[in-house]
Amino acid sequence: DGDITRAVIKIETPNPKPGDVLVLSTSVPSGVSIDNNVTQITIEGTSNAETYAGIIKEIRYENGLDTVEGGVRVVTIRVKDALEYSAALTRNVVVTAVNDEPVLSGYDGVIRYRLGDEGIAVVPDDFSIEDVDDTTIASASIVLSPVVGVDGVTVDASVASELGIGVTELGSKWVLTGAKPLSDYIRVLKTTRYSSIGEA
C-alpha cells in the first residue's frame, strides 16, 4: 500500500551550530510517535502520506541564542514506506546573525557643578556596559552638548593609553577607539570629567 512508516528530518552534520533546534509545533494523531533529538526529529508509526506530509510541514528551525552563528544549515527530509527510504529532500536554511547594540546603565541623576571648581566626574560609579553579542566593543564617544562659553570635558588619555585604547579630541567630542574588553572601556569612560572656567 502507500502508507508511510517512518520519517527522519535532521540538520546534517557538520552544519548544526550552538542553539540550533528543530521544533514540531503541532500534535500528532494516534498511532504516530515523535522522537525529538534537538537537531533531528524522527516520526514513526504507520499512516498515510498525507498525514506524514502534514506533520513534516509543521517542523520549524529555530535558534534563540543572542550569539547565533550565521551561515547555511542543511536540513534533509527522508520518509520510509514498508521497505525502504526515499531519496532525501534537502532544504538550505540561511541564518543571518543580528547584532544587538550595547546597553549602558548607571545613575542618571543631576550632577551639580560650581563654575570655576575643579573638574567633576561625569560617569557614575555604578556605570556599566552590557553587550549580549560580545565581551568587547570597538569604539565609544563622549559628547558635551550644548557647549556654553568655555565648558569642556576631558578624558584621562594616560589611562586609555595604558589599556591600548586610542583617544581623539574633536572639540566638544572625545572618541575612543580600539577593540577592547568592556571593562577597559568602562575604566576609561569613568575618567571623564566636566569643568568650566566661565563666570556666572
N, C-alpha and C. Protein backbone atom coordinates (compact mmCIF):
# COMPACT_ATOMS: atom_id res chain seq x y z
N ASP A 1 0.84 -1.20 0.00
CA ASP A 1 0.00 0.00 0.00
C ASP A 1 0.88 1.25 0.00
N GLY A 2 0.25 2.45 0.10
CA GLY A 2 1.02 3.68 0.02
C GLY A 2 1.31 4.29 1.37
N ASP A 3 1.17 3.52 2.44
CA ASP A 3 1.41 4.08 3.77
C ASP A 3 2.90 4.32 4.03
N ILE A 4 3.14 5.27 4.92
CA ILE A 4 4.49 5.60 5.36
C ILE A 4 4.67 5.09 6.79
N THR A 5 5.85 4.58 7.10
CA THR A 5 6.10 4.03 8.43
C THR A 5 7.10 4.86 9.25
N ARG A 6 7.87 5.69 8.59
CA ARG A 6 8.90 6.43 9.33
C ARG A 6 9.35 7.63 8.51
N ALA A 7 9.77 8.68 9.21
CA ALA A 7 10.37 9.84 8.55
C ALA A 7 11.46 10.39 9.46
N VAL A 8 12.53 10.87 8.84
CA VAL A 8 13.64 11.46 9.58
C VAL A 8 13.94 12.83 8.99
N ILE A 9 13.85 13.85 9.84
CA ILE A 9 14.15 15.22 9.45
C ILE A 9 15.30 15.69 10.32
N LYS A 10 16.40 16.11 9.72
CA LYS A 10 17.57 16.44 10.54
C LYS A 10 18.40 17.55 9.92
N ILE A 11 19.12 18.24 10.82
CA ILE A 11 20.14 19.19 10.37
C ILE A 11 21.42 18.38 10.20
N GLU A 12 21.90 18.30 8.99
CA GLU A 12 23.04 17.43 8.70
C GLU A 12 24.32 17.94 9.34
N THR A 13 25.13 17.02 9.86
CA THR A 13 26.46 17.39 10.35
C THR A 13 27.35 17.63 9.15
N PRO A 14 28.33 18.56 9.25
CA PRO A 14 28.70 19.32 10.46
C PRO A 14 27.98 20.65 10.60
N ASN A 15 26.81 20.79 9.96
CA ASN A 15 26.11 22.07 9.95
C ASN A 15 25.58 22.55 11.28
N PRO A 16 25.05 21.68 12.18
CA PRO A 16 24.44 22.23 13.40
C PRO A 16 25.40 23.12 14.18
N LYS A 17 24.90 24.27 14.61
CA LYS A 17 25.66 25.20 15.41
C LYS A 17 24.99 25.33 16.77
N PRO A 18 25.71 25.86 17.77
CA PRO A 18 25.11 26.02 19.10
C PRO A 18 23.77 26.75 19.02
N GLY A 19 22.75 26.18 19.66
CA GLY A 19 21.43 26.80 19.69
C GLY A 19 20.49 26.33 18.61
N ASP A 20 21.01 25.63 17.58
CA ASP A 20 20.15 25.14 16.50
C ASP A 20 19.20 24.06 17.03
N VAL A 21 17.93 24.17 16.71
CA VAL A 21 16.95 23.15 17.09
C VAL A 21 15.91 23.02 15.98
N LEU A 22 15.34 21.82 15.88
CA LEU A 22 14.15 21.60 15.06
C LEU A 22 12.98 21.43 16.01
N VAL A 23 11.90 22.14 15.73
CA VAL A 23 10.75 22.17 16.64
C VAL A 23 9.50 21.75 15.87
N LEU A 24 8.71 20.86 16.47
CA LEU A 24 7.44 20.46 15.90
C LEU A 24 6.33 21.19 16.64
N SER A 25 5.56 22.00 15.90
CA SER A 25 4.59 22.87 16.54
C SER A 25 3.15 22.37 16.41
N THR A 26 2.97 21.06 16.33
CA THR A 26 1.62 20.51 16.24
C THR A 26 1.56 19.16 16.95
N SER A 27 0.37 18.73 17.31
CA SER A 27 0.18 17.41 17.89
C SER A 27 0.12 16.39 16.76
N VAL A 28 0.29 15.12 17.10
CA VAL A 28 0.26 14.08 16.08
C VAL A 28 -0.89 13.12 16.37
N PRO A 29 -1.42 12.48 15.34
CA PRO A 29 -2.56 11.58 15.54
C PRO A 29 -2.17 10.30 16.28
N SER A 30 -3.17 9.63 16.78
CA SER A 30 -2.94 8.34 17.46
C SER A 30 -2.25 7.37 16.52
N GLY A 31 -1.31 6.62 17.08
CA GLY A 31 -0.58 5.65 16.27
C GLY A 31 0.70 6.17 15.69
N VAL A 32 0.93 7.48 15.83
CA VAL A 32 2.17 8.09 15.34
C VAL A 32 2.92 8.69 16.52
N SER A 33 4.21 8.44 16.60
CA SER A 33 5.02 8.96 17.71
C SER A 33 6.14 9.85 17.17
N ILE A 34 6.62 10.73 18.05
CA ILE A 34 7.67 11.68 17.69
C ILE A 34 8.84 11.53 18.65
N ASP A 35 10.05 11.45 18.10
CA ASP A 35 11.28 11.48 18.89
C ASP A 35 12.04 12.72 18.45
N ASN A 36 12.11 13.71 19.35
CA ASN A 36 12.78 14.97 19.03
C ASN A 36 14.12 15.01 19.73
N ASN A 37 15.21 14.90 18.95
CA ASN A 37 16.56 14.87 19.49
C ASN A 37 17.30 16.17 19.12
N VAL A 38 16.67 17.30 19.39
CA VAL A 38 17.22 18.65 19.19
C VAL A 38 17.41 18.98 17.70
N THR A 39 18.37 18.37 17.05
CA THR A 39 18.61 18.68 15.64
C THR A 39 18.08 17.59 14.72
N GLN A 40 17.36 16.64 15.26
CA GLN A 40 16.75 15.58 14.44
C GLN A 40 15.40 15.20 15.01
N ILE A 41 14.41 15.15 14.14
CA ILE A 41 13.08 14.70 14.53
C ILE A 41 12.76 13.43 13.76
N THR A 42 12.39 12.39 14.48
CA THR A 42 12.01 11.12 13.87
C THR A 42 10.53 10.88 14.12
N ILE A 43 9.80 10.62 13.06
CA ILE A 43 8.37 10.32 13.14
C ILE A 43 8.20 8.84 12.84
N GLU A 44 7.47 8.13 13.70
CA GLU A 44 7.27 6.70 13.49
C GLU A 44 5.81 6.32 13.68
N GLY A 45 5.40 5.29 12.95
CA GLY A 45 4.02 4.82 13.03
C GLY A 45 3.41 4.76 11.64
N THR A 46 2.69 3.72 11.35
CA THR A 46 2.11 3.55 10.02
C THR A 46 0.92 4.49 9.82
N SER A 47 1.01 5.30 8.77
CA SER A 47 -0.07 6.22 8.45
C SER A 47 0.05 6.60 6.98
N ASN A 48 -0.95 7.31 6.47
CA ASN A 48 -0.91 7.66 5.05
C ASN A 48 0.05 8.82 4.78
N ALA A 49 0.37 9.00 3.52
CA ALA A 49 1.34 10.03 3.13
C ALA A 49 0.87 11.43 3.49
N GLU A 50 -0.44 11.67 3.40
CA GLU A 50 -0.97 12.99 3.72
C GLU A 50 -0.74 13.35 5.18
N THR A 51 -0.92 12.36 6.06
CA THR A 51 -0.70 12.61 7.49
C THR A 51 0.76 12.96 7.76
N TYR A 52 1.68 12.19 7.16
CA TYR A 52 3.10 12.47 7.34
C TYR A 52 3.47 13.85 6.78
N ALA A 53 2.93 14.16 5.61
CA ALA A 53 3.24 15.45 4.99
C ALA A 53 2.75 16.59 5.88
N GLY A 54 1.57 16.43 6.47
CA GLY A 54 1.04 17.47 7.35
C GLY A 54 1.90 17.69 8.57
N ILE A 55 2.42 16.61 9.14
CA ILE A 55 3.30 16.74 10.31
C ILE A 55 4.61 17.41 9.93
N ILE A 56 5.20 16.93 8.83
CA ILE A 56 6.50 17.46 8.41
C ILE A 56 6.42 18.95 8.11
N LYS A 57 5.30 19.41 7.56
CA LYS A 57 5.14 20.83 7.24
C LYS A 57 5.13 21.72 8.48
N GLU A 58 4.89 21.14 9.64
CA GLU A 58 4.84 21.92 10.88
C GLU A 58 6.18 21.98 11.61
N ILE A 59 7.20 21.36 11.04
CA ILE A 59 8.53 21.38 11.67
C ILE A 59 9.22 22.70 11.33
N ARG A 60 9.78 23.34 12.35
CA ARG A 60 10.43 24.64 12.19
C ARG A 60 11.87 24.60 12.69
N TYR A 61 12.70 25.39 12.03
CA TYR A 61 14.07 25.62 12.53
C TYR A 61 14.03 26.82 13.44
N GLU A 62 14.76 26.74 14.58
CA GLU A 62 14.86 27.87 15.49
C GLU A 62 16.27 27.94 16.07
N ASN A 63 16.65 29.15 16.48
CA ASN A 63 17.87 29.36 17.26
C ASN A 63 17.65 30.59 18.12
N GLY A 64 17.54 30.40 19.42
CA GLY A 64 17.22 31.50 20.32
C GLY A 64 18.41 32.17 20.98
N LEU A 65 19.62 31.79 20.58
CA LEU A 65 20.80 32.38 21.19
C LEU A 65 21.00 33.82 20.73
N ASP A 66 21.54 34.66 21.60
CA ASP A 66 21.90 36.03 21.22
C ASP A 66 23.15 36.05 20.36
N THR A 67 23.94 35.00 20.47
CA THR A 67 25.20 34.95 19.73
C THR A 67 25.14 33.89 18.63
N VAL A 68 23.99 33.79 17.98
CA VAL A 68 23.82 32.78 16.93
C VAL A 68 24.86 32.97 15.81
N GLU A 69 25.39 31.87 15.33
CA GLU A 69 26.37 31.90 14.25
C GLU A 69 25.66 31.85 12.91
N GLY A 70 25.90 32.84 12.07
CA GLY A 70 25.27 32.88 10.77
C GLY A 70 25.81 31.81 9.84
N GLY A 71 25.14 31.63 8.71
CA GLY A 71 25.57 30.64 7.74
C GLY A 71 24.42 29.78 7.27
N VAL A 72 24.75 28.71 6.55
CA VAL A 72 23.74 27.82 5.98
C VAL A 72 23.61 26.56 6.83
N ARG A 73 22.37 26.18 7.14
CA ARG A 73 22.09 24.90 7.77
C ARG A 73 21.41 24.02 6.72
N VAL A 74 21.92 22.83 6.53
CA VAL A 74 21.35 21.89 5.55
C VAL A 74 20.41 20.95 6.28
N VAL A 75 19.12 21.02 5.95
CA VAL A 75 18.12 20.17 6.56
C VAL A 75 17.65 19.15 5.53
N THR A 76 17.69 17.86 5.90
CA THR A 76 17.24 16.81 4.98
C THR A 76 15.98 16.15 5.51
N ILE A 77 15.15 15.72 4.59
CA ILE A 77 13.89 15.02 4.91
C ILE A 77 13.88 13.71 4.16
N ARG A 78 13.70 12.62 4.90
CA ARG A 78 13.57 11.29 4.29
C ARG A 78 12.35 10.60 4.88
N VAL A 79 11.62 9.89 4.03
CA VAL A 79 10.48 9.09 4.52
C VAL A 79 10.67 7.64 4.08
N LYS A 80 10.05 6.74 4.82
CA LYS A 80 10.22 5.30 4.57
C LYS A 80 8.85 4.64 4.48
N ASP A 81 8.67 3.84 3.47
CA ASP A 81 7.47 3.01 3.41
C ASP A 81 7.76 1.69 4.09
N ALA A 82 7.07 0.67 3.76
CA ALA A 82 7.28 -0.63 4.43
C ALA A 82 8.64 -1.23 4.11
N LEU A 83 9.30 -0.75 3.03
CA LEU A 83 10.52 -1.41 2.58
C LEU A 83 11.77 -0.53 2.66
N GLU A 84 11.72 0.68 2.17
CA GLU A 84 12.94 1.46 2.08
C GLU A 84 12.69 2.96 2.17
N TYR A 85 13.80 3.69 2.39
CA TYR A 85 13.73 5.15 2.49
C TYR A 85 13.70 5.79 1.11
N SER A 86 13.10 6.95 1.08
CA SER A 86 13.13 7.77 -0.13
C SER A 86 14.50 8.45 -0.25
N ALA A 87 14.75 9.02 -1.42
CA ALA A 87 15.90 9.92 -1.54
C ALA A 87 15.62 11.15 -0.69
N ALA A 88 16.66 11.79 -0.26
CA ALA A 88 16.49 12.95 0.63
C ALA A 88 16.03 14.17 -0.13
N LEU A 89 15.09 14.89 0.50
CA LEU A 89 14.74 16.24 0.04
C LEU A 89 15.55 17.20 0.91
N THR A 90 16.30 18.09 0.28
CA THR A 90 17.20 18.98 1.01
C THR A 90 16.68 20.40 1.01
N ARG A 91 16.72 21.02 2.19
CA ARG A 91 16.36 22.43 2.33
C ARG A 91 17.54 23.16 2.96
N ASN A 92 17.96 24.26 2.35
CA ASN A 92 19.04 25.07 2.90
C ASN A 92 18.45 26.24 3.67
N VAL A 93 18.73 26.29 4.96
CA VAL A 93 18.25 27.37 5.80
C VAL A 93 19.39 28.38 5.96
N VAL A 94 19.20 29.59 5.44
CA VAL A 94 20.22 30.62 5.53
C VAL A 94 19.96 31.43 6.80
N VAL A 95 20.91 31.39 7.73
CA VAL A 95 20.76 32.05 9.02
C VAL A 95 21.58 33.33 9.02
N THR A 96 20.93 34.45 9.32
CA THR A 96 21.61 35.74 9.37
C THR A 96 21.72 36.20 10.82
N ALA A 97 22.95 36.38 11.27
CA ALA A 97 23.16 36.85 12.64
C ALA A 97 22.77 38.32 12.74
N VAL A 98 22.17 38.70 13.86
CA VAL A 98 21.74 40.08 14.09
C VAL A 98 22.53 40.65 15.26
N ASN A 99 23.09 41.83 15.06
CA ASN A 99 23.86 42.46 16.12
C ASN A 99 22.95 43.23 17.07
N ASP A 100 23.10 42.98 18.37
CA ASP A 100 22.37 43.73 19.38
C ASP A 100 23.27 44.84 19.92
N GLU A 101 22.73 46.04 19.98
CA GLU A 101 23.53 47.17 20.43
C GLU A 101 23.87 47.05 21.91
N PRO A 102 25.03 47.59 22.32
CA PRO A 102 25.38 47.59 23.74
C PRO A 102 24.36 48.40 24.55
N VAL A 103 24.23 48.04 25.81
CA VAL A 103 23.29 48.72 26.70
C VAL A 103 24.08 49.36 27.84
N LEU A 104 23.86 50.66 28.06
CA LEU A 104 24.52 51.39 29.14
C LEU A 104 23.56 51.52 30.32
N SER A 105 24.10 51.44 31.52
CA SER A 105 23.28 51.64 32.70
C SER A 105 24.09 52.32 33.79
N GLY A 106 23.39 52.94 34.72
CA GLY A 106 24.03 53.66 35.81
C GLY A 106 23.14 54.81 36.26
N TYR A 107 23.45 55.38 37.39
CA TYR A 107 22.68 56.51 37.93
C TYR A 107 22.67 57.66 36.93
N ASP A 108 21.47 58.14 36.60
CA ASP A 108 21.39 59.20 35.60
C ASP A 108 20.78 60.48 36.17
N GLY A 109 21.03 60.73 37.43
CA GLY A 109 20.51 61.94 38.06
C GLY A 109 21.31 63.17 37.72
N VAL A 110 20.98 64.25 38.40
CA VAL A 110 21.61 65.55 38.14
C VAL A 110 22.99 65.63 38.81
N ILE A 111 23.96 66.19 38.09
CA ILE A 111 25.29 66.47 38.65
C ILE A 111 25.39 67.97 38.86
N ARG A 112 25.71 68.38 40.07
CA ARG A 112 25.80 69.82 40.35
C ARG A 112 27.26 70.28 40.35
N TYR A 113 27.51 71.36 39.62
CA TYR A 113 28.87 71.87 39.46
C TYR A 113 28.86 73.38 39.66
N ARG A 114 29.86 73.89 40.37
CA ARG A 114 30.00 75.34 40.59
C ARG A 114 31.10 75.86 39.69
N LEU A 115 30.79 76.88 38.93
CA LEU A 115 31.75 77.45 37.98
C LEU A 115 33.09 77.74 38.64
N GLY A 116 34.15 77.36 37.94
CA GLY A 116 35.49 77.61 38.42
C GLY A 116 36.07 76.50 39.27
N ASP A 117 35.22 75.57 39.72
CA ASP A 117 35.73 74.44 40.51
C ASP A 117 36.54 73.50 39.63
N GLU A 118 37.26 72.59 40.28
CA GLU A 118 37.98 71.57 39.53
C GLU A 118 36.98 70.68 38.81
N GLY A 119 37.50 69.95 37.85
CA GLY A 119 36.63 69.08 37.07
C GLY A 119 35.88 68.08 37.94
N ILE A 120 34.65 67.78 37.54
CA ILE A 120 33.81 66.87 38.29
C ILE A 120 33.54 65.62 37.45
N ALA A 121 33.54 64.48 38.11
CA ALA A 121 33.29 63.22 37.38
C ALA A 121 31.90 63.23 36.77
N VAL A 122 31.83 62.81 35.52
CA VAL A 122 30.56 62.78 34.80
C VAL A 122 29.92 61.39 34.84
N VAL A 123 30.74 60.35 34.73
CA VAL A 123 30.22 58.98 34.66
C VAL A 123 30.04 58.44 36.08
N PRO A 124 28.87 57.91 36.41
CA PRO A 124 28.61 57.44 37.78
C PRO A 124 29.43 56.21 38.16
N ASP A 125 29.59 56.01 39.45
CA ASP A 125 30.37 54.87 39.95
C ASP A 125 29.77 53.53 39.53
N ASP A 126 28.42 53.49 39.41
CA ASP A 126 27.77 52.22 39.07
C ASP A 126 27.58 52.04 37.57
N PHE A 127 28.31 52.82 36.77
CA PHE A 127 28.20 52.74 35.31
C PHE A 127 28.61 51.35 34.83
N SER A 128 27.84 50.82 33.87
CA SER A 128 28.18 49.52 33.29
C SER A 128 27.80 49.49 31.82
N ILE A 129 28.46 48.58 31.10
CA ILE A 129 28.15 48.33 29.69
C ILE A 129 27.86 46.84 29.55
N GLU A 130 26.75 46.53 28.91
CA GLU A 130 26.42 45.13 28.65
C GLU A 130 26.21 44.94 27.15
N ASP A 131 26.72 43.85 26.64
CA ASP A 131 26.55 43.52 25.22
C ASP A 131 26.37 42.02 25.11
N VAL A 132 25.18 41.59 24.75
CA VAL A 132 24.90 40.15 24.69
C VAL A 132 25.65 39.46 23.57
N ASP A 133 26.13 40.23 22.59
CA ASP A 133 26.81 39.63 21.45
C ASP A 133 28.29 39.38 21.68
N ASP A 134 28.91 40.16 22.58
CA ASP A 134 30.36 40.09 22.66
C ASP A 134 30.84 40.62 24.01
N THR A 135 32.10 40.37 24.30
CA THR A 135 32.71 40.89 25.53
C THR A 135 33.64 42.06 25.23
N THR A 136 33.69 42.47 23.95
CA THR A 136 34.50 43.63 23.56
C THR A 136 33.63 44.61 22.78
N ILE A 137 34.07 45.86 22.74
CA ILE A 137 33.44 46.85 21.87
C ILE A 137 34.53 47.55 21.08
N ALA A 138 34.13 48.20 19.98
CA ALA A 138 35.11 48.78 19.06
C ALA A 138 35.37 50.25 19.31
N SER A 139 34.38 50.98 19.81
CA SER A 139 34.57 52.42 19.98
C SER A 139 33.53 52.99 20.92
N ALA A 140 33.78 54.20 21.38
CA ALA A 140 32.83 54.92 22.22
C ALA A 140 33.07 56.40 22.04
N SER A 141 32.07 57.21 22.35
CA SER A 141 32.24 58.66 22.23
C SER A 141 31.59 59.36 23.41
N ILE A 142 32.18 60.49 23.78
CA ILE A 142 31.64 61.35 24.83
C ILE A 142 31.41 62.72 24.20
N VAL A 143 30.18 63.20 24.26
CA VAL A 143 29.83 64.45 23.61
C VAL A 143 29.23 65.42 24.63
N LEU A 144 29.74 66.63 24.66
CA LEU A 144 29.18 67.69 25.50
C LEU A 144 28.24 68.54 24.65
N SER A 145 26.99 68.64 25.09
CA SER A 145 26.01 69.41 24.32
C SER A 145 24.90 69.94 25.23
N PRO A 146 24.56 71.21 25.11
CA PRO A 146 25.23 72.23 24.29
C PRO A 146 26.49 72.73 24.99
N VAL A 147 27.38 73.31 24.22
CA VAL A 147 28.59 73.90 24.78
C VAL A 147 28.32 75.37 25.06
N VAL A 148 28.51 75.76 26.32
CA VAL A 148 28.27 77.15 26.72
C VAL A 148 29.60 77.76 27.17
N GLY A 149 29.99 78.85 26.53
CA GLY A 149 31.22 79.53 26.92
C GLY A 149 32.43 78.62 26.83
N VAL A 150 33.11 78.48 27.96
CA VAL A 150 34.33 77.67 27.98
C VAL A 150 34.10 76.34 28.69
N ASP A 151 32.90 75.80 28.54
CA ASP A 151 32.63 74.44 29.04
C ASP A 151 33.57 73.45 28.36
N GLY A 152 33.85 72.37 29.04
CA GLY A 152 34.67 71.34 28.42
C GLY A 152 34.61 70.02 29.17
N VAL A 153 34.91 68.96 28.45
CA VAL A 153 35.05 67.64 29.08
C VAL A 153 36.43 67.11 28.73
N THR A 154 36.96 66.29 29.61
CA THR A 154 38.27 65.68 29.38
C THR A 154 38.20 64.20 29.68
N VAL A 155 39.09 63.47 29.08
CA VAL A 155 39.25 62.04 29.34
C VAL A 155 40.72 61.81 29.66
N ASP A 156 40.99 60.97 30.62
CA ASP A 156 42.37 60.71 31.00
C ASP A 156 43.03 59.82 29.94
N ALA A 157 43.77 60.48 29.04
CA ALA A 157 44.40 59.77 27.93
C ALA A 157 45.46 58.79 28.41
N SER A 158 46.04 59.02 29.58
CA SER A 158 47.08 58.10 30.08
C SER A 158 46.48 56.75 30.44
N VAL A 159 45.28 56.76 31.00
CA VAL A 159 44.60 55.50 31.32
C VAL A 159 44.24 54.77 30.03
N ALA A 160 43.74 55.53 29.06
CA ALA A 160 43.38 54.93 27.78
C ALA A 160 44.61 54.31 27.11
N SER A 161 45.72 55.04 27.13
CA SER A 161 46.94 54.55 26.50
C SER A 161 47.43 53.27 27.17
N GLU A 162 47.33 53.24 28.49
CA GLU A 162 47.74 52.05 29.25
C GLU A 162 46.96 50.82 28.82
N LEU A 163 45.69 51.03 28.44
CA LEU A 163 44.82 49.92 28.07
C LEU A 163 44.79 49.68 26.57
N GLY A 164 45.55 50.48 25.81
CA GLY A 164 45.60 50.30 24.36
C GLY A 164 44.40 50.86 23.62
N ILE A 165 43.73 51.83 24.22
CA ILE A 165 42.57 52.45 23.60
C ILE A 165 42.97 53.82 23.06
N GLY A 166 42.67 54.06 21.79
CA GLY A 166 43.00 55.34 21.18
C GLY A 166 42.05 56.44 21.63
N VAL A 167 42.56 57.65 21.76
CA VAL A 167 41.75 58.79 22.19
C VAL A 167 41.95 59.94 21.20
N THR A 168 40.82 60.46 20.71
CA THR A 168 40.88 61.60 19.80
C THR A 168 39.93 62.68 20.30
N GLU A 169 40.44 63.90 20.45
CA GLU A 169 39.60 65.02 20.87
C GLU A 169 39.15 65.80 19.65
N LEU A 170 37.84 65.96 19.50
CA LEU A 170 37.27 66.70 18.38
C LEU A 170 36.37 67.81 18.91
N GLY A 171 36.99 68.85 19.44
CA GLY A 171 36.23 69.93 20.03
C GLY A 171 35.51 69.49 21.29
N SER A 172 34.19 69.48 21.24
CA SER A 172 33.41 69.07 22.41
C SER A 172 33.12 67.58 22.41
N LYS A 173 33.81 66.84 21.57
CA LYS A 173 33.58 65.39 21.45
C LYS A 173 34.89 64.65 21.60
N TRP A 174 34.86 63.59 22.40
CA TRP A 174 36.01 62.69 22.54
C TRP A 174 35.63 61.33 21.97
N VAL A 175 36.53 60.76 21.18
CA VAL A 175 36.27 59.46 20.55
C VAL A 175 37.31 58.46 21.03
N LEU A 176 36.84 57.33 21.53
CA LEU A 176 37.71 56.23 21.96
C LEU A 176 37.61 55.13 20.93
N THR A 177 38.75 54.57 20.54
CA THR A 177 38.74 53.52 19.51
C THR A 177 39.67 52.38 19.88
N GLY A 178 39.35 51.21 19.33
CA GLY A 178 40.15 50.01 19.56
C GLY A 178 39.30 48.92 20.17
N ALA A 179 39.32 47.74 19.58
CA ALA A 179 38.53 46.61 20.10
C ALA A 179 39.14 46.12 21.41
N LYS A 180 38.47 46.45 22.49
CA LYS A 180 38.98 46.10 23.82
C LYS A 180 37.82 45.61 24.70
N PRO A 181 38.14 44.92 25.81
CA PRO A 181 37.09 44.43 26.70
C PRO A 181 36.20 45.54 27.23
N LEU A 182 34.96 45.19 27.53
CA LEU A 182 34.02 46.16 28.08
C LEU A 182 34.58 46.82 29.33
N SER A 183 35.23 46.02 30.16
CA SER A 183 35.75 46.54 31.42
C SER A 183 36.80 47.63 31.19
N ASP A 184 37.58 47.53 30.11
CA ASP A 184 38.58 48.56 29.81
C ASP A 184 37.90 49.86 29.40
N TYR A 185 36.87 49.76 28.59
CA TYR A 185 36.14 50.97 28.19
C TYR A 185 35.47 51.62 29.39
N ILE A 186 34.92 50.81 30.26
CA ILE A 186 34.28 51.36 31.46
C ILE A 186 35.31 52.14 32.28
N ARG A 187 36.49 51.57 32.42
CA ARG A 187 37.54 52.23 33.21
C ARG A 187 37.90 53.57 32.61
N VAL A 188 38.04 53.64 31.27
CA VAL A 188 38.41 54.90 30.62
C VAL A 188 37.26 55.90 30.70
N LEU A 189 36.06 55.45 30.42
CA LEU A 189 34.91 56.37 30.45
C LEU A 189 34.70 56.97 31.83
N LYS A 190 35.03 56.23 32.87
CA LYS A 190 34.88 56.76 34.22
C LYS A 190 35.87 57.88 34.55
N THR A 191 36.85 58.10 33.67
CA THR A 191 37.78 59.22 33.88
C THR A 191 37.25 60.52 33.29
N THR A 192 36.09 60.48 32.63
CA THR A 192 35.53 61.66 32.01
C THR A 192 35.16 62.70 33.07
N ARG A 193 35.62 63.94 32.85
CA ARG A 193 35.33 65.00 33.80
C ARG A 193 34.86 66.26 33.07
N TYR A 194 33.94 66.96 33.72
CA TYR A 194 33.43 68.22 33.19
C TYR A 194 34.00 69.36 34.01
N SER A 195 34.29 70.47 33.33
CA SER A 195 34.72 71.68 34.05
C SER A 195 34.39 72.91 33.21
N SER A 196 34.39 74.06 33.86
CA SER A 196 34.17 75.32 33.16
C SER A 196 34.88 76.43 33.95
N ILE A 197 35.55 77.30 33.21
CA ILE A 197 36.20 78.42 33.87
C ILE A 197 35.44 79.73 33.61
N GLY A 198 34.20 79.54 33.11
CA GLY A 198 33.38 80.70 32.84
C GLY A 198 32.89 81.33 34.13
N GLU A 199 32.26 82.46 34.01
CA GLU A 199 31.71 83.16 35.17
C GLU A 199 30.20 83.14 35.12
N ALA A 200 29.59 83.09 36.27
CA ALA A 200 28.12 83.06 36.34
C ALA A 200 27.54 84.35 35.83
